[in-house]
């Protein structure tokens, strides 16, 4: 979920609990609501420590409970703020941040270490530009109402209206996802979101001892991606680049991509594969073979549709 949606949801929950816009609830709620995404500060550890990357340890319920209790204890000890609603607020907005990313395509591991592995509901894109724009508008609406510019609308009522709008939006996506997955021709496929709630693409993953097969179906095309599990295979030909999926630096980025796909480019002596996710993750992992050495780097993807086409 994008920054503005996390921000707006944190603000509306804080305002709903406190009844006003500017107070300790607001500042604390926004801080905790955005804190999990400060995991980028752990970047030096991403390739070395399990679950230290984005959507990692800071996106677990254990982290939210620990940090909320710690901050509450410090507020009580040094400032005498023993209002238990503050603790409730921190637990709530922190959990809503995790839920928001669980709803999206990126995935989280909320119950780590008791349950390992990333999972998601795939109801919306991890960063949907339409939702982002609407959330920014909702934030402005909430601030204007909280500052008293609407005589007929106070901050708490504005929070309720905005909260209902989010509930309706995600409920609509959930209903449409369920409906499209039950259509006979889509049986066995998972509906994956696009920017618009009425438009979905469909993917199926099949794991066998020898390979992972990813099938992608849209209204205009059907594609299949096969990723061999022979991790020690030498990369000689261009097609052998599919084995780079198991490279540690690739896995560091793709570890929660359940539906990986790729584009292979061979031009002269240049051998390159671009890894991504059918589910629409914004990053893409570039692997280039240069004089027999693998070079891996990460970029923002340029394909806004979330579909990677293969070319050779």
Protein backbone atom coordinates (compact mmCIF):
# COMPACT_ATOMS: atom_id res chain seq x y z
CA UNK A 1 0.00 0.00 0.00
CA UNK A 2 1.25 3.49 -0.85
CA UNK A 3 2.48 6.18 1.54
CA UNK A 4 -0.58 8.46 1.27
CA UNK A 5 -3.04 5.63 1.98
CA UNK A 6 -1.09 4.55 5.07
CA UNK A 7 -0.90 8.21 6.15
CA UNK A 8 -4.60 8.91 5.64
CA UNK A 9 -5.79 5.74 7.36
CA UNK A 10 -3.52 6.48 10.35
CA UNK A 11 -4.87 10.03 10.55
CA UNK A 12 -8.51 9.01 10.33
CA UNK A 13 -8.14 6.34 13.04
CA UNK A 14 -6.31 8.80 15.32
CA UNK A 15 -8.96 11.44 14.73
CA UNK A 16 -11.76 8.94 15.27
CA UNK A 17 -10.38 7.91 18.66
CA UNK A 18 -9.55 11.42 19.86
CA UNK A 19 -12.35 13.42 18.22
CA UNK A 20 -10.02 16.18 17.05
CA UNK A 21 -7.23 16.71 14.55
CA UNK A 22 -4.23 18.14 16.37
CA UNK A 23 -3.23 16.29 19.54
CA UNK A 24 -0.84 13.64 20.80
CA UNK A 25 -3.05 10.92 19.29
CA UNK A 26 -2.60 12.32 15.80
CA UNK A 27 1.18 12.60 15.97
CA UNK A 28 1.61 9.23 17.64
CA UNK A 29 -0.86 7.52 15.30
CA UNK A 30 0.83 8.85 12.16
CA UNK A 31 4.27 7.96 13.52
CA UNK A 32 3.35 4.34 14.25
CA UNK A 33 1.25 4.11 11.09
CA UNK A 34 4.26 4.98 8.93
CA UNK A 35 7.01 3.43 11.05
CA UNK A 36 7.01 -0.05 9.40
CA UNK A 37 8.05 1.49 6.07
CA UNK A 38 11.18 2.95 7.63
CA UNK A 39 12.64 -0.53 7.11
CA UNK A 40 14.63 1.05 4.25
CA UNK A 41 17.03 2.14 7.01
CA UNK A 42 17.90 -1.56 7.38
CA UNK A 43 19.13 -1.67 3.77
CA UNK A 44 22.71 -2.74 4.69
CA UNK A 45 21.22 -5.90 6.23
CA UNK A 46 18.80 -6.79 3.43
CA UNK A 47 21.10 -9.33 1.78
CA UNK A 48 22.53 -10.70 5.01
CA UNK A 49 19.72 -11.07 7.56
CA UNK A 50 16.48 -12.94 6.92
CA UNK A 51 13.36 -10.76 6.92
CA UNK A 52 15.35 -7.54 7.26
CA UNK A 53 14.19 -6.26 3.85
CA UNK A 54 11.13 -4.27 2.86
CA UNK A 55 7.91 -5.78 4.27
CA UNK A 56 10.12 -7.79 6.58
CA UNK A 57 10.45 -7.80 10.36
CA UNK A 58 8.93 -4.31 10.78
CA UNK A 59 5.75 -5.61 9.12
CA UNK A 60 5.07 -8.27 11.76
CA UNK A 61 2.58 -8.14 14.61
CA UNK A 62 5.39 -8.96 17.02
CA UNK A 63 7.25 -5.79 16.03
CA UNK A 64 4.09 -3.65 16.36
CA UNK A 65 3.29 -5.04 19.81
CA UNK A 66 6.87 -4.62 21.02
CA UNK A 67 7.37 -1.07 19.75
CA UNK A 68 3.90 0.04 20.93
CA UNK A 69 4.44 -1.28 24.45
CA UNK A 70 7.92 0.26 24.56
CA UNK A 71 6.73 3.73 23.48
CA UNK A 72 3.77 3.55 25.86
CA UNK A 73 6.09 2.64 28.74
CA UNK A 74 8.39 5.56 27.90
CA UNK A 75 5.47 8.00 27.65
CA UNK A 76 4.18 6.83 31.01
CA UNK A 77 7.59 6.93 32.68
CA UNK A 78 8.81 10.29 31.43
CA UNK A 79 5.63 12.24 30.62
CA UNK A 80 2.98 10.63 32.81
CA UNK A 81 0.79 9.78 29.79
CA UNK A 82 -0.85 6.61 31.05
CA UNK A 83 -3.93 6.81 28.83
CA UNK A 84 -4.50 3.24 27.62
CA UNK A 85 -6.19 4.60 24.51
CA UNK A 86 -2.73 5.63 23.33
CA UNK A 87 -1.57 2.03 23.51
CA UNK A 88 -4.74 0.89 21.74
CA UNK A 89 -4.17 3.50 19.04
CA UNK A 90 -0.60 2.38 18.38
CA UNK A 91 -1.57 -1.29 18.21
CA UNK A 92 -4.49 -0.49 15.91
CA UNK A 93 -2.76 1.76 13.36
CA UNK A 94 0.33 -0.49 13.30
CA UNK A 95 -1.84 -3.53 12.63
CA UNK A 96 -3.77 -1.62 9.95
CA UNK A 97 -0.47 -0.85 8.20
CA UNK A 98 0.31 -4.57 8.08
CA UNK A 99 -3.24 -5.33 6.94
CA UNK A 100 -2.96 -2.74 4.18
CA UNK A 101 0.19 -4.36 2.81
CA UNK A 102 -1.38 -7.81 3.23
CA UNK A 103 -4.29 -6.63 1.07
CA UNK A 104 -1.88 -5.55 -1.67
CA UNK A 105 0.32 -7.60 -3.99
CA UNK A 106 3.62 -7.24 -2.15
CA UNK A 107 2.87 -9.53 0.74
CA UNK A 108 3.94 -9.65 4.38
CA UNK A 109 4.78 -12.27 7.01
CA UNK A 110 2.64 -10.91 9.89
CA UNK A 111 2.98 -13.90 12.24
CA UNK A 112 6.74 -14.38 11.89
CA UNK A 113 8.50 -16.33 13.45
CA UNK A 114 5.52 -18.58 14.22
CA UNK A 115 4.51 -18.68 10.56
CA UNK A 116 7.20 -18.01 7.98
CA UNK A 117 6.76 -17.06 4.35
CA UNK A 118 5.08 -14.10 2.68
CA UNK A 119 1.38 -14.04 1.89
CA UNK A 120 -1.13 -11.53 0.53
CA UNK A 121 -4.78 -11.22 -0.45
CA UNK A 122 -3.95 -9.66 -3.85
CA UNK A 123 -6.94 -7.33 -3.71
CA UNK A 124 -5.10 -4.26 -4.97
CA UNK A 125 -1.76 -3.21 -6.40
CA UNK A 126 0.94 -2.51 -3.86
CA UNK A 127 0.98 1.07 -5.20
CA UNK A 128 -2.19 1.95 -7.06
CA UNK A 129 -1.98 5.48 -8.51
CA UNK A 130 -5.77 5.91 -8.36
CA UNK A 131 -5.98 4.88 -4.71
CA UNK A 132 -2.95 7.05 -3.95
CA UNK A 133 -4.62 10.10 -5.51
CA UNK A 134 -7.91 9.45 -3.72
CA UNK A 135 -6.08 8.97 -0.41
CA UNK A 136 -4.32 12.30 -0.84
CA UNK A 137 -7.70 13.93 -1.51
CA UNK A 138 -9.09 12.15 1.55
CA UNK A 139 -6.22 13.45 3.67
CA UNK A 140 -6.93 17.02 2.54
CA UNK A 141 -10.67 16.52 3.21
CA UNK A 142 -9.94 15.25 6.73
CA UNK A 143 -7.58 18.12 7.53
CA UNK A 144 -10.06 20.73 6.26
CA UNK A 145 -12.86 19.17 8.31
CA UNK A 146 -10.61 18.91 11.37
CA UNK A 147 -9.72 22.60 11.15
CA UNK A 148 -13.41 23.51 11.20
CA UNK A 149 -13.90 24.75 7.65
CA UNK A 150 -17.13 22.74 7.36
CA UNK A 151 -19.80 24.03 9.73
CA UNK A 152 -21.86 20.87 9.24
CA UNK A 153 -18.99 18.38 9.55
CA UNK A 154 -16.56 17.80 12.41
CA UNK A 155 -13.33 15.75 12.39
CA UNK A 156 -14.88 12.59 13.83
CA UNK A 157 -17.76 12.47 11.33
CA UNK A 158 -15.32 13.16 8.49
CA UNK A 159 -13.21 10.22 9.72
CA UNK A 160 -16.24 7.93 9.71
CA UNK A 161 -17.15 8.96 6.16
CA UNK A 162 -13.60 8.41 4.93
CA UNK A 163 -13.32 5.09 6.76
CA UNK A 164 -16.55 3.84 5.18
CA UNK A 165 -15.22 4.87 1.76
CA UNK A 166 -12.13 2.68 2.27
CA UNK A 167 -14.25 -0.24 3.51
CA UNK A 168 -16.56 -0.01 0.49
CA UNK A 169 -13.62 0.23 -1.93
CA UNK A 170 -11.81 -2.85 -0.63
CA UNK A 171 -15.07 -4.78 -0.18
CA UNK A 172 -15.89 -4.10 -3.85
CA UNK A 173 -12.49 -5.38 -4.90
CA UNK A 174 -12.93 -8.51 -2.76
CA UNK A 175 -16.35 -9.25 -4.25
CA UNK A 176 -15.13 -8.74 -7.82
CA UNK A 177 -12.04 -10.89 -7.22
CA UNK A 178 -14.20 -13.71 -5.87
CA UNK A 179 -16.66 -13.36 -8.75
CA UNK A 180 -14.01 -13.49 -11.49
CA UNK A 181 -12.23 -16.46 -9.90
CA UNK A 182 -15.52 -18.43 -9.92
CA UNK A 183 -16.10 -17.90 -13.65
CA UNK A 184 -15.68 -21.39 -15.22
CA UNK A 185 -12.86 -20.44 -17.60
CA UNK A 186 -10.86 -18.99 -14.69
CA UNK A 187 -11.12 -22.00 -12.38
CA UNK A 188 -7.72 -22.90 -10.95
CA UNK A 189 -6.35 -19.40 -11.55
CA UNK A 190 -5.87 -16.64 -9.01
CA UNK A 191 -7.29 -13.23 -9.92
CA UNK A 192 -4.61 -10.57 -9.63
CA UNK A 193 -5.43 -6.84 -9.51
CA UNK A 194 -4.72 -4.10 -11.98
CA UNK A 195 -5.25 -0.38 -11.50
CA UNK A 196 -9.00 -0.62 -12.05
CA UNK A 197 -11.28 -2.80 -9.87
CA UNK A 198 -13.19 -4.19 -12.87
CA UNK A 199 -10.07 -5.31 -14.73
CA UNK A 200 -8.12 -8.38 -13.51
CA UNK A 201 -5.45 -10.72 -14.82
CA UNK A 202 -5.19 -14.38 -13.87
CA UNK A 203 -2.20 -16.45 -12.81
CA UNK A 204 -1.53 -20.04 -11.84
CA UNK A 205 1.61 -21.45 -10.25
CA UNK A 206 2.54 -25.13 -10.50
CA UNK A 207 5.48 -26.46 -8.48
CA UNK A 208 7.14 -29.74 -9.42
CA UNK A 209 10.45 -31.29 -8.30
CA UNK A 210 12.10 -30.03 -11.50
CA UNK A 211 10.61 -26.57 -12.10
CA UNK A 212 8.22 -23.79 -11.27
CA UNK A 213 5.67 -23.05 -13.99
CA UNK A 214 3.87 -19.72 -13.99
CA UNK A 215 0.89 -19.22 -16.29
CA UNK A 216 -0.52 -15.78 -17.00
CA UNK A 217 -3.87 -15.16 -18.66
CA UNK A 218 -5.30 -11.77 -19.61
CA UNK A 219 -8.07 -10.69 -21.93
CA UNK A 220 -5.60 -10.50 -24.83
CA UNK A 221 -2.89 -13.13 -24.23
CA UNK A 222 -1.76 -16.31 -22.50
CA UNK A 223 1.87 -16.73 -21.44
CA UNK A 224 3.81 -19.41 -19.60
CA UNK A 225 7.10 -19.04 -17.72
CA UNK A 226 9.18 -22.05 -16.67
CA UNK A 227 11.87 -21.68 -14.02
CA UNK A 228 14.08 -24.80 -13.60
CA UNK A 229 15.09 -25.80 -10.07
CA UNK A 230 18.58 -26.96 -11.06
CA UNK A 231 20.24 -24.20 -9.04
CA UNK A 232 23.81 -25.23 -9.91
CA UNK A 233 23.35 -25.06 -13.67
CA UNK A 234 26.03 -23.04 -15.50
CA UNK A 235 24.83 -19.99 -17.41
CA UNK A 236 26.20 -20.45 -20.91
CA UNK A 237 23.41 -19.70 -23.36
CA UNK A 238 21.01 -16.81 -23.14
CA UNK A 239 18.13 -19.06 -22.12
CA UNK A 240 20.23 -20.33 -19.21
CA UNK A 241 19.67 -16.96 -17.57
CA UNK A 242 16.45 -18.36 -16.08
CA UNK A 243 18.70 -20.14 -13.57
CA UNK A 244 19.69 -16.74 -12.19
CA UNK A 245 16.32 -16.72 -10.40
CA UNK A 246 18.03 -18.65 -7.60
CA UNK A 247 20.89 -16.17 -7.26
CA UNK A 248 20.89 -14.81 -3.65
CA UNK A 249 20.70 -11.19 -4.79
CA UNK A 250 17.72 -11.97 -7.00
CA UNK A 251 16.01 -13.89 -4.23
CA UNK A 252 16.57 -10.95 -1.89
CA UNK A 253 14.18 -8.97 -4.10
CA UNK A 254 11.89 -11.74 -5.38
CA UNK A 255 11.46 -13.71 -2.17
CA UNK A 256 7.80 -12.76 -1.75
CA UNK A 257 6.91 -12.85 -5.46
CA UNK A 258 4.70 -15.89 -5.78
CA UNK A 259 4.26 -15.32 -9.53
CA UNK A 260 7.68 -14.45 -10.97
CA UNK A 261 8.04 -13.69 -14.66
CA UNK A 262 10.90 -12.50 -16.83
CA UNK A 263 12.06 -10.89 -20.05
CA UNK A 264 15.22 -12.18 -21.73
CA UNK A 265 17.28 -9.91 -23.98
CA UNK A 266 20.16 -11.18 -26.11
CA UNK A 267 21.83 -8.64 -28.36
CA UNK A 268 25.30 -9.56 -29.61
CA UNK A 269 27.50 -10.38 -26.63
CA UNK A 270 25.03 -8.88 -24.16
CA UNK A 271 23.04 -11.37 -22.10
CA UNK A 272 20.39 -9.93 -19.79
CA UNK A 273 17.27 -11.12 -17.99
CA UNK A 274 14.80 -8.82 -16.25
CA UNK A 275 12.88 -10.46 -13.41
CA UNK A 276 9.59 -9.18 -12.11
CA UNK A 277 6.29 -10.34 -10.75
CA UNK A 278 3.07 -10.94 -12.64
CA UNK A 279 1.34 -9.55 -9.54
CA UNK A 280 2.55 -6.06 -10.45
CA UNK A 281 5.40 -5.27 -8.05
CA UNK A 282 6.99 -1.93 -8.92
CA UNK A 283 10.58 -3.15 -8.88
CA UNK A 284 12.41 -5.21 -11.47
CA UNK A 285 15.66 -7.11 -10.99
CA UNK A 286 18.21 -6.89 -13.82
CA UNK A 287 20.76 -9.68 -14.22
CA UNK A 288 23.53 -9.13 -16.78
CA UNK A 289 26.27 -11.57 -17.73
CA UNK A 290 29.47 -9.56 -18.26
CA UNK A 291 32.60 -11.60 -19.11
CA UNK A 292 31.20 -14.59 -17.30
CA UNK A 293 30.29 -12.60 -14.16
CA UNK A 294 26.71 -12.04 -12.97
CA UNK A 295 25.84 -8.44 -12.16
CA UNK A 296 22.56 -7.84 -10.37
CA UNK A 297 20.80 -4.52 -9.80
CA UNK A 298 17.28 -3.34 -9.00
CA UNK A 299 15.23 -0.68 -10.78
CA UNK A 300 11.72 0.68 -10.81
CA UNK A 301 9.86 -1.11 -13.57
CA UNK A 302 8.91 0.77 -16.70
CA UNK A 303 5.93 -1.39 -17.66
CA UNK A 304 3.00 0.31 -15.96
CA UNK A 305 0.61 -2.48 -16.93
CA UNK A 306 2.32 -4.98 -14.68
CA UNK A 307 2.89 -7.49 -17.51
CA UNK A 308 6.36 -8.48 -18.65
CA UNK A 309 6.74 -9.64 -22.23
CA UNK A 310 9.51 -12.02 -23.22
CA UNK A 311 11.83 -11.18 -26.09
CA UNK A 312 15.00 -12.86 -27.37
